[in-house]
Amino acid sequence: MENFTAKDLKIFEDMKQCVKDFGLKDLGEEKQLGILSGFSTFEYPGYNMGILYLYDPLKNVANISIRYADAPPEKIPSLYELFNYINKHLTFNHFAFESLGPFGGMILLTTGLKVTEYFLNKAAFKMLLKELMGVGHTFMPLIAKLLFTDNTPKSIMDEFYEKNCEKIPVFVDEDGKIKEPKMTKELPFIIHASADMPAFPTHTHGLTELGIPEFLIDHLCIGAKGNGACINLSYKYFIKPENADKLDAIKNGQVIRLTFTDLKPEAKTKDLLDPDRVYCYHRVYPEFEMVKQAYNIDDQNNQSDADPTAWFVQIYVEGDDFALTDDYYKDGIKW
């Protein structure tokens, strides 16, 4: 029987809760060889990925891996070549190959962090999990192309670079045409978001003219539709006369926390916003890197896309403290 301390079990439970917070299924767990392991899955467009998360008490490492597919032996040399190309672009994670004998092996995308305290740094763990799924969505199709076609690793990467050399700073339709944001009578402002990586923060234009702040939110926070829904519901909430004091409190430096119930979303929004999340609103200034990225603020030339009378409010999910740092936004938000 495996012996795990209360600390070990607490860290693993925190990892499991982080996975559940993303809406991912709990597919069971194992305790063997001195390691606590949990299993989940994530549905990409057209295919599913198996997710393995584990805590190794001996090494104090919390690890997450996406299991992709078995690779035939004849593809292994070219897979290693492709991994070398891809891994140059990754910071916190990497593609690896787990050998399973003469019949090939398992392709993994993996990441992890050292647990240096008694408790898991849940914000850091969530950031790694979010980035891992994003990296998988970006690069797994390249691996599929290598496995199921005769393309070489270099030709696959050349095509990838050609398609991603220009970053489109707005949403695009499925046919690739630019989808311009539009104002409506109900929502008389526009939301700008990025369609590629590195991304700028999702943000509004036009709220200053209505006498309220411009809203910003991490591009990766709730996904494109979720971010838009959150901003729209926040606008509807803060324009109500009975909530004017909360807006004044934010302007004076307080953090206002709202729940799903506070925002009172319509039924169709319930699929986009997690009812257990707490949404935090606090004032940020033009010196904050997030605001600089969103509104193209240039300190040296005193240029900006924002109205000079504007003030800004960042929306973030409670616990995502990384989103409050300048470093997170420098050079654009990355998976």
Protein backbone atom coordinates (compact mmCIF):
# COMPACT_ATOMS: atom_id res chain seq x y z
CA MET A 1 0.00 0.00 0.00
CA GLU A 2 1.31 3.42 -0.93
CA ASN A 3 2.07 5.83 1.92
CA PHE A 4 1.34 9.49 1.17
CA THR A 5 1.44 12.35 3.67
CA ALA A 6 -1.40 14.80 4.24
CA LYS A 7 0.67 17.35 2.32
CA ASP A 8 0.96 15.03 -0.69
CA LEU A 9 -2.77 14.35 -0.74
CA LYS A 10 -3.62 18.05 -0.35
CA ILE A 11 -1.37 19.05 -3.27
CA PHE A 12 -2.91 16.37 -5.48
CA GLU A 13 -6.46 17.43 -4.50
CA ASP A 14 -5.57 21.02 -5.44
CA MET A 15 -4.32 19.79 -8.83
CA LYS A 16 -7.55 17.86 -9.35
CA GLN A 17 -9.61 20.93 -8.44
CA CYS A 18 -7.67 23.08 -10.92
CA VAL A 19 -8.49 20.59 -13.67
CA LYS A 20 -12.18 20.65 -12.66
CA ASP A 21 -12.15 24.47 -12.65
CA PHE A 22 -11.44 24.31 -16.39
CA GLY A 23 -14.57 22.22 -16.87
CA LEU A 24 -12.56 19.09 -17.67
CA LYS A 25 -13.89 15.66 -16.77
CA ASP A 26 -12.54 13.61 -13.87
CA LEU A 27 -11.77 10.18 -15.34
CA GLY A 28 -10.28 8.62 -12.24
CA GLU A 29 -6.97 8.44 -10.41
CA GLU A 30 -4.21 6.05 -9.39
CA LYS A 31 -1.77 5.79 -6.50
CA GLN A 32 1.22 3.66 -7.40
CA LEU A 33 5.02 3.67 -7.49
CA GLY A 34 5.02 6.59 -5.06
CA ILE A 35 3.14 8.86 -7.51
CA LEU A 36 -0.41 10.29 -7.42
CA SER A 37 -1.94 10.36 -10.91
CA GLY A 38 -5.20 11.75 -12.28
CA PHE A 39 -6.79 11.42 -15.71
CA SER A 40 -8.96 13.71 -17.80
CA THR A 41 -9.64 14.59 -21.44
CA PHE A 42 -9.97 17.69 -23.57
CA GLU A 43 -11.94 17.95 -26.80
CA TYR A 44 -10.20 19.81 -29.60
CA PRO A 45 -12.13 20.49 -32.83
CA GLY A 46 -12.49 17.06 -34.41
CA TYR A 47 -10.50 15.01 -31.88
CA ASN A 48 -9.89 14.39 -28.18
CA MET A 49 -6.70 14.54 -26.13
CA GLY A 50 -6.03 12.49 -23.03
CA ILE A 51 -4.71 14.53 -20.09
CA LEU A 52 -2.53 13.07 -17.36
CA TYR A 53 -1.65 15.07 -14.25
CA LEU A 54 0.53 13.70 -11.50
CA TYR A 55 2.33 14.65 -8.32
CA ASP A 56 5.68 13.08 -7.48
CA PRO A 57 6.32 13.69 -3.73
CA LEU A 58 9.93 12.48 -3.97
CA LYS A 59 10.81 15.16 -6.55
CA ASN A 60 8.17 17.69 -5.39
CA VAL A 61 7.02 18.03 -9.01
CA ALA A 62 3.47 18.64 -10.27
CA ASN A 63 3.38 17.47 -13.88
CA ILE A 64 0.78 17.72 -16.66
CA SER A 65 0.93 15.88 -19.97
CA ILE A 66 -1.30 15.65 -23.03
CA ARG A 67 -1.11 12.18 -24.57
CA TYR A 68 -1.47 12.45 -28.31
CA ALA A 69 -1.04 9.18 -30.21
CA ASP A 70 1.13 6.15 -30.83
CA ALA A 71 3.85 6.68 -33.41
CA PRO A 72 5.01 3.92 -35.78
CA PRO A 73 8.73 3.11 -35.58
CA GLU A 74 9.45 4.34 -39.10
CA LYS A 75 8.23 7.84 -38.19
CA ILE A 76 10.29 8.22 -35.02
CA PRO A 77 13.41 9.84 -36.59
CA SER A 78 11.34 12.47 -38.41
CA LEU A 79 9.25 13.03 -35.26
CA TYR A 80 12.37 13.89 -33.29
CA GLU A 81 13.34 16.34 -36.04
CA LEU A 82 9.90 17.97 -35.92
CA PHE A 83 10.03 18.14 -32.10
CA ASN A 84 13.35 20.00 -32.37
CA TYR A 85 11.72 22.61 -34.60
CA ILE A 86 8.63 23.02 -32.42
CA ASN A 87 10.30 22.95 -29.00
CA LYS A 88 12.39 26.01 -29.92
CA HIS A 89 9.15 28.02 -29.72
CA LEU A 90 8.03 26.71 -26.33
CA THR A 91 8.94 28.13 -22.93
CA PHE A 92 7.19 26.15 -20.19
CA ASN A 93 6.43 22.91 -22.02
CA HIS A 94 7.83 20.59 -24.66
CA PHE A 95 7.00 17.67 -26.91
CA ALA A 96 8.59 14.36 -25.94
CA PHE A 97 8.44 10.72 -26.95
CA GLU A 98 7.82 7.83 -24.56
CA SER A 99 9.18 4.61 -26.00
CA LEU A 100 6.97 1.53 -25.75
CA GLY A 101 9.26 -1.05 -27.31
CA PRO A 102 9.45 -2.31 -30.91
CA PHE A 103 5.90 -1.27 -31.81
CA GLY A 104 6.45 2.46 -31.46
CA GLY A 105 5.70 4.86 -28.61
CA MET A 106 3.51 7.58 -27.18
CA ILE A 107 3.77 11.24 -28.22
CA LEU A 108 3.48 13.56 -25.21
CA LEU A 109 3.23 17.30 -24.70
CA THR A 110 4.36 17.87 -21.14
CA THR A 111 5.01 20.58 -18.55
CA GLY A 112 5.42 20.87 -14.81
CA LEU A 113 6.46 22.96 -11.83
CA LYS A 114 8.30 22.48 -8.57
CA VAL A 115 6.14 22.61 -5.44
CA THR A 116 8.33 24.60 -3.10
CA GLU A 117 5.81 25.27 -0.34
CA TYR A 118 3.29 23.18 1.58
CA PHE A 119 0.53 24.11 -0.88
CA LEU A 120 0.32 24.04 -4.66
CA ASN A 121 0.55 27.42 -6.43
CA LYS A 122 -2.83 26.98 -8.10
CA ALA A 123 -2.57 30.14 -10.23
CA ALA A 124 0.73 28.96 -11.71
CA PHE A 125 -0.62 25.44 -12.24
CA LYS A 126 -3.69 26.78 -14.06
CA MET A 127 -1.53 28.99 -16.25
CA LEU A 128 0.57 25.97 -17.27
CA LEU A 129 -2.53 23.87 -17.97
CA LYS A 130 -4.08 26.66 -20.04
CA GLU A 131 -0.87 27.11 -22.01
CA LEU A 132 -0.47 23.36 -22.51
CA MET A 133 -3.91 23.05 -24.11
CA GLY A 134 -3.24 26.07 -26.30
CA VAL A 135 0.11 24.73 -27.46
CA GLY A 136 -1.53 21.40 -28.22
CA HIS A 137 -4.17 23.07 -30.37
CA THR A 138 -1.48 24.99 -32.26
CA PHE A 139 1.10 22.26 -32.87
CA MET A 140 -0.67 18.90 -32.71
CA PRO A 141 -2.01 19.32 -36.30
CA LEU A 142 1.60 19.57 -37.47
CA ILE A 143 2.38 16.23 -35.86
CA ALA A 144 -0.73 14.69 -37.43
CA LYS A 145 0.45 15.93 -40.83
CA LEU A 146 3.79 14.22 -40.30
CA LEU A 147 2.18 10.93 -39.21
CA PHE A 148 -0.39 10.70 -41.98
CA THR A 149 1.33 12.29 -44.98
CA ASP A 150 4.69 12.12 -46.72
CA ASN A 151 5.57 15.74 -45.83
CA THR A 152 8.98 16.30 -44.28
CA PRO A 153 9.42 18.11 -40.95
CA LYS A 154 11.03 21.08 -42.70
CA SER A 155 8.23 21.43 -45.29
CA ILE A 156 5.61 21.24 -42.50
CA MET A 157 7.33 23.99 -40.53
CA ASP A 158 7.88 26.15 -43.64
CA GLU A 159 4.15 26.01 -44.35
CA PHE A 160 3.38 26.80 -40.71
CA TYR A 161 5.66 29.87 -40.74
CA GLU A 162 4.16 31.10 -43.99
CA LYS A 163 0.61 30.94 -42.65
CA ASN A 164 1.49 32.57 -39.31
CA CYS A 165 3.83 35.34 -40.44
CA GLU A 166 1.07 37.97 -40.23
CA LYS A 167 -0.94 38.39 -37.06
CA ILE A 168 -4.59 39.40 -37.58
CA PRO A 169 -5.60 41.70 -34.70
CA VAL A 170 -9.36 41.03 -34.96
CA PHE A 171 -11.69 38.05 -35.04
CA VAL A 172 -12.01 36.33 -38.41
CA ASP A 173 -14.84 34.32 -39.91
CA GLU A 174 -14.40 30.66 -40.88
CA ASP A 175 -13.75 31.72 -44.48
CA GLY A 176 -10.80 33.84 -43.29
CA LYS A 177 -12.49 37.18 -43.93
CA ILE A 178 -12.02 39.89 -41.31
CA LYS A 179 -15.02 40.23 -39.03
CA GLU A 180 -15.22 43.90 -38.07
CA PRO A 181 -16.69 44.58 -34.62
CA LYS A 182 -19.92 46.56 -34.69
CA MET A 183 -21.81 48.74 -32.22
CA THR A 184 -25.48 48.07 -31.50
CA LYS A 185 -28.16 50.03 -29.73
CA GLU A 186 -28.03 47.59 -26.81
CA LEU A 187 -24.21 47.49 -26.73
CA PRO A 188 -22.99 50.87 -28.04
CA PHE A 189 -19.26 50.07 -28.00
CA ILE A 190 -16.88 47.66 -29.70
CA ILE A 191 -14.66 44.90 -28.39
CA HIS A 192 -11.23 44.35 -29.92
CA ALA A 193 -9.63 40.94 -29.59
CA SER A 194 -6.76 39.08 -31.18
CA ALA A 195 -7.19 36.14 -33.56
CA ASP A 196 -3.65 34.81 -33.19
CA MET A 197 -0.62 34.54 -30.94
CA PRO A 198 1.09 36.52 -29.50
CA ALA A 199 -2.13 38.31 -28.58
CA PHE A 200 -3.04 41.67 -27.14
CA PRO A 201 -5.61 41.86 -24.30
CA THR A 202 -9.28 41.83 -25.22
CA HIS A 203 -10.53 45.40 -24.65
CA THR A 204 -13.26 47.92 -25.40
CA HIS A 205 -13.50 51.18 -27.32
CA GLY A 206 -16.37 53.64 -26.89
CA LEU A 207 -17.28 53.31 -23.22
CA THR A 208 -15.54 56.58 -22.30
CA GLU A 209 -18.16 58.46 -24.32
CA LEU A 210 -20.81 56.76 -22.17
CA GLY A 211 -19.19 57.98 -18.96
CA ILE A 212 -17.81 54.64 -17.78
CA PRO A 213 -14.35 53.03 -17.98
CA GLU A 214 -12.95 50.94 -20.79
CA PHE A 215 -12.78 47.25 -19.82
CA LEU A 216 -9.81 44.94 -20.42
CA ILE A 217 -9.50 41.19 -19.91
CA ASP A 218 -6.75 38.63 -20.49
CA HIS A 219 -7.14 37.24 -24.03
CA LEU A 220 -6.84 33.68 -22.68
CA CYS A 221 -9.06 34.15 -19.64
CA ILE A 222 -12.42 32.64 -20.66
CA GLY A 223 -11.94 32.21 -24.40
CA ALA A 224 -13.04 34.58 -27.15
CA LYS A 225 -16.80 34.20 -26.67
CA GLY A 226 -16.54 34.03 -22.89
CA ASN A 227 -14.49 37.22 -22.71
CA GLY A 228 -16.98 39.05 -24.91
CA ALA A 229 -19.90 37.80 -22.84
CA CYS A 230 -18.18 38.86 -19.61
CA ILE A 231 -17.50 42.38 -20.92
CA ASN A 232 -21.05 42.78 -22.24
CA LEU A 233 -22.60 41.63 -18.96
CA SER A 234 -20.24 43.86 -16.99
CA TYR A 235 -21.35 46.86 -19.07
CA LYS A 236 -25.02 46.07 -18.43
CA TYR A 237 -24.32 45.66 -14.72
CA PHE A 238 -22.38 48.89 -14.17
CA ILE A 239 -24.73 51.17 -16.16
CA LYS A 240 -27.51 50.42 -13.69
CA PRO A 241 -28.00 53.41 -11.33
CA GLU A 242 -27.99 51.17 -8.27
CA ASN A 243 -24.44 50.02 -9.10
CA ALA A 244 -22.95 53.49 -9.62
CA ASP A 245 -21.40 53.40 -6.14
CA LYS A 246 -19.48 50.25 -7.06
CA LEU A 247 -18.02 51.98 -10.11
CA ASP A 248 -16.98 54.91 -7.92
CA ALA A 249 -15.35 52.46 -5.50
CA ILE A 250 -13.31 50.93 -8.33
CA LYS A 251 -12.26 54.38 -9.51
CA ASN A 252 -11.05 55.11 -5.98
CA GLY A 253 -8.88 51.99 -5.84
CA GLN A 254 -11.13 49.27 -4.45
CA VAL A 255 -11.49 45.79 -5.95
CA ILE A 256 -15.11 44.79 -6.62
CA ARG A 257 -15.89 41.06 -6.81
CA LEU A 258 -18.94 39.82 -8.67
CA THR A 259 -20.33 36.34 -9.13
CA PHE A 260 -22.32 34.71 -11.90
CA THR A 261 -25.51 35.54 -10.01
CA ASP A 262 -24.50 39.20 -9.62
CA LEU A 263 -24.06 39.57 -13.38
CA LYS A 264 -27.46 37.90 -14.00
CA PRO A 265 -26.61 36.48 -17.42
CA GLU A 266 -29.19 35.26 -19.88
CA ALA A 267 -29.63 31.52 -20.21
CA LYS A 268 -27.53 31.30 -23.37
CA THR A 269 -24.55 32.77 -21.50
CA LYS A 270 -24.47 30.00 -18.91
CA ASP A 271 -22.37 27.85 -21.23
CA LEU A 272 -19.71 30.59 -21.43
CA LEU A 273 -19.30 31.74 -17.83
CA ASP A 274 -18.53 29.34 -14.99
CA PRO A 275 -21.02 29.90 -12.11
CA ASP A 276 -18.30 29.13 -9.55
CA ARG A 277 -15.88 31.82 -10.74
CA VAL A 278 -15.49 35.16 -9.01
CA TYR A 279 -14.87 38.05 -11.40
CA CYS A 280 -12.70 40.83 -10.00
CA TYR A 281 -12.76 44.45 -11.20
CA HIS A 282 -9.97 46.88 -10.37
CA ARG A 283 -8.62 50.09 -11.81
CA VAL A 284 -5.46 49.98 -13.93
CA TYR A 285 -3.47 52.85 -15.41
CA PRO A 286 -1.79 53.65 -18.74
CA GLU A 287 1.58 52.66 -17.24
CA PHE A 288 0.37 49.05 -16.83
CA GLU A 289 1.72 46.84 -19.63
CA MET A 290 -1.74 45.39 -20.27
CA VAL A 291 -3.13 48.85 -21.06
CA LYS A 292 -0.10 49.72 -23.18
CA GLN A 293 -0.55 46.60 -25.29
CA ALA A 294 -4.30 47.07 -25.72
CA TYR A 295 -4.28 50.74 -26.64
CA ASN A 296 -0.88 51.03 -28.36
CA ILE A 297 0.40 53.49 -25.77
CA ASP A 298 3.84 54.80 -26.68
CA ASP A 299 5.44 56.61 -23.74
CA GLN A 300 8.19 58.20 -25.80
CA ASN A 301 5.98 59.68 -28.51
CA ASN A 302 2.96 60.21 -26.26
CA GLN A 303 0.75 58.28 -28.69
CA SER A 304 -2.27 56.14 -27.87
CA ASP A 305 -5.39 54.64 -29.44
CA ALA A 306 -7.33 55.50 -26.27
CA ASP A 307 -9.34 58.63 -25.57
CA PRO A 308 -7.13 60.91 -23.40
CA THR A 309 -9.98 61.19 -20.89
CA ALA A 310 -10.39 57.40 -20.57
CA TRP A 311 -9.83 55.40 -17.43
CA PHE A 312 -9.46 51.63 -17.38
CA VAL A 313 -10.79 48.64 -15.44
CA GLN A 314 -9.25 45.19 -15.67
CA ILE A 315 -11.48 42.13 -15.27
CA TYR A 316 -9.77 38.98 -14.03
CA VAL A 317 -10.79 35.71 -12.41
CA GLU A 318 -9.99 35.55 -8.71
CA GLY A 319 -6.84 33.49 -8.24
CA ASP A 320 -5.26 34.38 -11.60
CA ASP A 321 -2.65 36.63 -9.99
CA PHE A 322 -0.28 36.21 -12.93
CA ALA A 323 -2.67 38.39 -14.95
CA LEU A 324 -1.85 41.32 -12.63
CA THR A 325 1.83 41.46 -13.61
CA ASP A 326 3.52 43.48 -16.34
CA ASP A 327 5.68 40.54 -17.42
CA TYR A 328 2.63 38.50 -18.45
CA TYR A 329 1.74 41.02 -21.17
CA LYS A 330 5.19 42.00 -22.47
CA ASP A 331 5.68 41.15 -26.16
CA GLY A 332 2.07 39.95 -26.34
CA ILE A 333 0.17 37.21 -24.54
CA LYS A 334 1.39 33.72 -25.50
CA TRP A 335 0.01 30.25 -25.02
